Amino acid sequence: MDDRLAAIASVARLAITFVAASLLVSCAVIKLNHDGTNSIEHSGGAETGEELAGRACAKARALRAEVVSTVKKDGNAPQGKERYVTTFRCIY
């Protein structure tokens, strides 16, 4: 019984670690700005920013997202490690 419990605990620990690592790698942060816009920091380019803005506005039950701009956060970041900031507003 103890061996079986240890095996289940090991698998559960592995699953929790995998989920936590997935969340950390693919996370994006949405910031509410004072001027009625929102900003989201993400990896990927303008297309990814538009998709994330659309998903955020859909969760807020808006009709659509209007992307104001997408800029690279750090121009000196190595290839594949770039972060972008997309500024958008939700249209209700």
N, C-alpha and C. Protein backbone atom coordinates (compact mmCIF):
# COMPACT_ATOMS: atom_id res chain seq x y z
N MET A 1 0.82 -1.19 0.00
CA MET A 1 0.00 0.00 0.00
C MET A 1 0.87 1.26 0.00
N ASP A 2 1.95 1.26 0.80
CA ASP A 2 2.83 2.43 0.86
C ASP A 2 3.53 2.67 -0.47
N ASP A 3 3.91 1.58 -1.18
CA ASP A 3 4.55 1.72 -2.48
C ASP A 3 3.58 2.34 -3.49
N ARG A 4 2.35 1.91 -3.44
CA ARG A 4 1.33 2.44 -4.35
C ARG A 4 1.07 3.92 -4.07
N LEU A 5 1.00 4.28 -2.80
CA LEU A 5 0.79 5.68 -2.42
C LEU A 5 1.98 6.55 -2.84
N ALA A 6 3.18 6.02 -2.69
CA ALA A 6 4.38 6.75 -3.09
C ALA A 6 4.39 6.97 -4.61
N ALA A 7 3.96 5.97 -5.37
CA ALA A 7 3.91 6.11 -6.82
C ALA A 7 2.90 7.16 -7.24
N ILE A 8 1.74 7.17 -6.60
CA ILE A 8 0.72 8.16 -6.90
C ILE A 8 1.21 9.56 -6.55
N ALA A 9 1.86 9.70 -5.42
CA ALA A 9 2.39 11.00 -5.00
C ALA A 9 3.45 11.49 -5.99
N SER A 10 4.27 10.58 -6.48
CA SER A 10 5.30 10.94 -7.44
C SER A 10 4.69 11.45 -8.74
N VAL A 11 3.68 10.75 -9.23
CA VAL A 11 3.00 11.16 -10.46
C VAL A 11 2.29 12.50 -10.25
N ALA A 12 1.67 12.68 -9.11
CA ALA A 12 0.98 13.94 -8.81
C ALA A 12 1.98 15.10 -8.76
N ARG A 13 3.13 14.88 -8.14
CA ARG A 13 4.16 15.91 -8.07
C ARG A 13 4.64 16.29 -9.47
N LEU A 14 4.83 15.29 -10.33
CA LEU A 14 5.27 15.54 -11.69
C LEU A 14 4.22 16.34 -12.47
N ALA A 15 2.96 15.99 -12.30
CA ALA A 15 1.89 16.70 -13.00
C ALA A 15 1.80 18.16 -12.54
N ILE A 16 1.91 18.38 -11.26
CA ILE A 16 1.86 19.75 -10.73
C ILE A 16 3.04 20.56 -11.24
N THR A 17 4.22 19.97 -11.28
CA THR A 17 5.40 20.66 -11.80
C THR A 17 5.22 21.02 -13.27
N PHE A 18 4.68 20.10 -14.05
CA PHE A 18 4.44 20.36 -15.47
C PHE A 18 3.46 21.51 -15.66
N VAL A 19 2.38 21.51 -14.92
CA VAL A 19 1.37 22.58 -15.03
C VAL A 19 1.98 23.92 -14.64
N ALA A 20 2.73 23.95 -13.56
CA ALA A 20 3.35 25.21 -13.11
C ALA A 20 4.34 25.72 -14.15
N ALA A 21 5.15 24.83 -14.71
CA ALA A 21 6.12 25.25 -15.73
C ALA A 21 5.41 25.77 -16.97
N SER A 22 4.32 25.14 -17.36
CA SER A 22 3.56 25.59 -18.53
C SER A 22 2.99 26.98 -18.31
N LEU A 23 2.49 27.24 -17.12
CA LEU A 23 1.95 28.56 -16.82
C LEU A 23 3.02 29.63 -16.82
N LEU A 24 4.19 29.32 -16.32
CA LEU A 24 5.27 30.30 -16.27
C LEU A 24 5.80 30.62 -17.66
N VAL A 25 5.89 29.64 -18.52
CA VAL A 25 6.44 29.85 -19.85
C VAL A 25 5.49 30.65 -20.73
N SER A 26 4.22 30.39 -20.63
CA SER A 26 3.27 31.00 -21.56
C SER A 26 2.46 32.13 -20.94
N CYS A 27 2.93 32.73 -19.88
CA CYS A 27 2.13 33.74 -19.23
C CYS A 27 2.23 35.09 -19.94
N ALA A 28 1.20 35.85 -19.85
CA ALA A 28 1.16 37.22 -20.36
C ALA A 28 0.51 38.05 -19.26
N VAL A 29 0.96 39.28 -19.14
CA VAL A 29 0.47 40.16 -18.09
C VAL A 29 -0.35 41.27 -18.72
N ILE A 30 -1.57 41.46 -18.25
CA ILE A 30 -2.42 42.54 -18.75
C ILE A 30 -2.42 43.67 -17.73
N LYS A 31 -2.15 44.88 -18.21
CA LYS A 31 -2.11 46.06 -17.35
C LYS A 31 -3.22 47.01 -17.78
N LEU A 32 -4.02 47.48 -16.83
CA LEU A 32 -5.07 48.45 -17.11
C LEU A 32 -4.47 49.85 -16.99
N ASN A 33 -4.53 50.63 -18.07
CA ASN A 33 -3.95 51.97 -18.09
C ASN A 33 -4.99 53.01 -17.72
N HIS A 34 -4.54 54.18 -17.32
CA HIS A 34 -5.45 55.26 -16.88
C HIS A 34 -6.21 55.92 -18.02
N ASP A 35 -5.78 55.71 -19.27
CA ASP A 35 -6.40 56.39 -20.40
C ASP A 35 -7.44 55.54 -21.14
N GLY A 36 -7.92 54.47 -20.51
CA GLY A 36 -8.95 53.65 -21.13
C GLY A 36 -8.40 52.55 -22.02
N THR A 37 -7.08 52.40 -22.06
CA THR A 37 -6.48 51.32 -22.84
C THR A 37 -5.92 50.27 -21.89
N ASN A 38 -5.56 49.14 -22.45
CA ASN A 38 -4.95 48.05 -21.71
C ASN A 38 -3.66 47.69 -22.42
N SER A 39 -2.69 47.18 -21.68
CA SER A 39 -1.44 46.73 -22.26
C SER A 39 -1.21 45.28 -21.85
N ILE A 40 -0.70 44.51 -22.79
CA ILE A 40 -0.40 43.11 -22.51
C ILE A 40 1.03 42.83 -22.96
N GLU A 41 1.82 42.26 -22.06
CA GLU A 41 3.21 41.90 -22.37
C GLU A 41 3.23 40.42 -22.74
N HIS A 42 3.88 40.11 -23.86
CA HIS A 42 3.85 38.74 -24.37
C HIS A 42 5.06 38.46 -25.23
N SER A 43 5.25 37.17 -25.51
CA SER A 43 6.24 36.78 -26.51
C SER A 43 5.48 36.60 -27.82
N GLY A 44 6.17 36.58 -28.92
CA GLY A 44 5.50 36.51 -30.22
C GLY A 44 5.38 37.91 -30.79
N GLY A 45 4.88 38.01 -32.00
CA GLY A 45 4.81 39.30 -32.66
C GLY A 45 3.45 39.95 -32.57
N ALA A 46 3.16 40.78 -33.57
CA ALA A 46 1.92 41.55 -33.59
C ALA A 46 0.69 40.64 -33.68
N GLU A 47 0.82 39.53 -34.43
CA GLU A 47 -0.32 38.61 -34.57
C GLU A 47 -0.69 38.00 -33.22
N THR A 48 0.31 37.63 -32.45
CA THR A 48 0.07 37.08 -31.12
C THR A 48 -0.59 38.12 -30.23
N GLY A 49 -0.13 39.36 -30.31
CA GLY A 49 -0.73 40.44 -29.53
C GLY A 49 -2.19 40.66 -29.86
N GLU A 50 -2.52 40.61 -31.16
CA GLU A 50 -3.92 40.77 -31.57
C GLU A 50 -4.77 39.63 -31.03
N GLU A 51 -4.24 38.41 -31.10
CA GLU A 51 -4.99 37.25 -30.60
C GLU A 51 -5.22 37.34 -29.10
N LEU A 52 -4.18 37.71 -28.35
CA LEU A 52 -4.32 37.82 -26.90
C LEU A 52 -5.26 38.95 -26.51
N ALA A 53 -5.19 40.07 -27.22
CA ALA A 53 -6.10 41.19 -26.94
C ALA A 53 -7.54 40.77 -27.21
N GLY A 54 -7.76 40.05 -28.30
CA GLY A 54 -9.10 39.56 -28.61
C GLY A 54 -9.63 38.62 -27.55
N ARG A 55 -8.77 37.74 -27.06
CA ARG A 55 -9.19 36.81 -26.01
C ARG A 55 -9.50 37.54 -24.71
N ALA A 56 -8.68 38.55 -24.37
CA ALA A 56 -8.91 39.32 -23.14
C ALA A 56 -10.23 40.07 -23.22
N CYS A 57 -10.51 40.67 -24.37
CA CYS A 57 -11.76 41.42 -24.52
C CYS A 57 -12.96 40.48 -24.55
N ALA A 58 -12.79 39.30 -25.12
CA ALA A 58 -13.88 38.33 -25.13
C ALA A 58 -14.23 37.90 -23.71
N LYS A 59 -13.20 37.74 -22.86
CA LYS A 59 -13.46 37.39 -21.46
C LYS A 59 -14.19 38.52 -20.74
N ALA A 60 -13.95 39.77 -21.18
CA ALA A 60 -14.63 40.93 -20.59
C ALA A 60 -15.98 41.17 -21.25
N ARG A 61 -16.39 40.26 -22.14
CA ARG A 61 -17.67 40.33 -22.84
C ARG A 61 -17.79 41.57 -23.72
N ALA A 62 -16.66 41.97 -24.32
CA ALA A 62 -16.66 43.07 -25.27
C ALA A 62 -16.92 42.52 -26.67
N LEU A 63 -17.31 43.40 -27.60
CA LEU A 63 -17.56 42.98 -28.98
C LEU A 63 -16.28 42.60 -29.69
N ARG A 64 -15.23 43.41 -29.48
CA ARG A 64 -13.95 43.16 -30.16
C ARG A 64 -12.84 43.95 -29.49
N ALA A 65 -11.62 43.68 -29.92
CA ALA A 65 -10.46 44.42 -29.42
C ALA A 65 -9.94 45.32 -30.54
N GLU A 66 -9.58 46.53 -30.18
CA GLU A 66 -8.97 47.47 -31.12
C GLU A 66 -7.51 47.65 -30.69
N VAL A 67 -6.58 47.14 -31.48
CA VAL A 67 -5.16 47.22 -31.15
C VAL A 67 -4.64 48.60 -31.52
N VAL A 68 -4.04 49.28 -30.56
CA VAL A 68 -3.47 50.60 -30.78
C VAL A 68 -2.05 50.48 -31.30
N SER A 69 -1.24 49.63 -30.66
CA SER A 69 0.14 49.45 -31.11
C SER A 69 0.72 48.17 -30.52
N THR A 70 1.77 47.67 -31.19
CA THR A 70 2.57 46.57 -30.69
C THR A 70 4.03 46.97 -30.88
N VAL A 71 4.77 47.00 -29.78
CA VAL A 71 6.18 47.39 -29.84
C VAL A 71 7.04 46.35 -29.15
N LYS A 72 8.30 46.24 -29.61
CA LYS A 72 9.25 45.34 -28.98
C LYS A 72 9.73 45.99 -27.69
N LYS A 73 9.69 45.26 -26.58
CA LYS A 73 10.03 45.82 -25.27
C LYS A 73 11.52 46.12 -25.16
N ASP A 74 12.37 45.20 -25.64
CA ASP A 74 13.82 45.38 -25.55
C ASP A 74 14.42 45.08 -26.91
N GLY A 75 14.91 46.11 -27.57
CA GLY A 75 15.50 45.95 -28.90
C GLY A 75 16.78 45.14 -28.91
N ASN A 76 17.43 45.02 -27.76
CA ASN A 76 18.69 44.29 -27.68
C ASN A 76 18.52 42.85 -27.23
N ALA A 77 17.29 42.38 -27.09
CA ALA A 77 17.05 41.01 -26.63
C ALA A 77 17.52 40.02 -27.69
N PRO A 78 18.09 38.90 -27.27
CA PRO A 78 18.55 37.90 -28.24
C PRO A 78 17.38 37.29 -29.02
N GLN A 79 17.70 36.79 -30.21
CA GLN A 79 16.68 36.17 -31.07
C GLN A 79 15.96 35.05 -30.33
N GLY A 80 14.64 35.06 -30.38
CA GLY A 80 13.85 34.04 -29.71
C GLY A 80 13.49 34.39 -28.28
N LYS A 81 14.07 35.46 -27.72
CA LYS A 81 13.79 35.88 -26.34
C LYS A 81 13.09 37.23 -26.29
N GLU A 82 12.59 37.69 -27.45
CA GLU A 82 11.96 39.00 -27.50
C GLU A 82 10.65 39.01 -26.73
N ARG A 83 10.34 40.14 -26.11
CA ARG A 83 9.06 40.38 -25.45
C ARG A 83 8.45 41.60 -26.13
N TYR A 84 7.15 41.58 -26.30
CA TYR A 84 6.43 42.66 -26.95
C TYR A 84 5.38 43.21 -26.00
N VAL A 85 4.99 44.46 -26.23
CA VAL A 85 3.90 45.09 -25.48
C VAL A 85 2.86 45.54 -26.50
N THR A 86 1.66 45.00 -26.37
CA THR A 86 0.54 45.38 -27.24
C THR A 86 -0.43 46.22 -26.42
N THR A 87 -0.74 47.40 -26.92
CA THR A 87 -1.70 48.30 -26.28
C THR A 87 -3.00 48.21 -27.06
N PHE A 88 -4.11 48.03 -26.34
CA PHE A 88 -5.39 47.84 -27.00
C PHE A 88 -6.51 48.38 -26.12
N ARG A 89 -7.70 48.50 -26.72
CA ARG A 89 -8.89 48.84 -25.96
C ARG A 89 -10.01 47.90 -26.41
N CYS A 90 -10.87 47.60 -25.47
CA CYS A 90 -12.02 46.73 -25.76
C CYS A 90 -13.18 47.61 -26.21
N ILE A 91 -13.81 47.21 -27.30
CA ILE A 91 -14.97 47.93 -27.85
C ILE A 91 -16.22 47.19 -27.41
N TYR A 92 -17.09 47.90 -26.68
CA TYR A 92 -18.32 47.31 -26.16
C TYR A 92 -19.52 47.68 -26.99
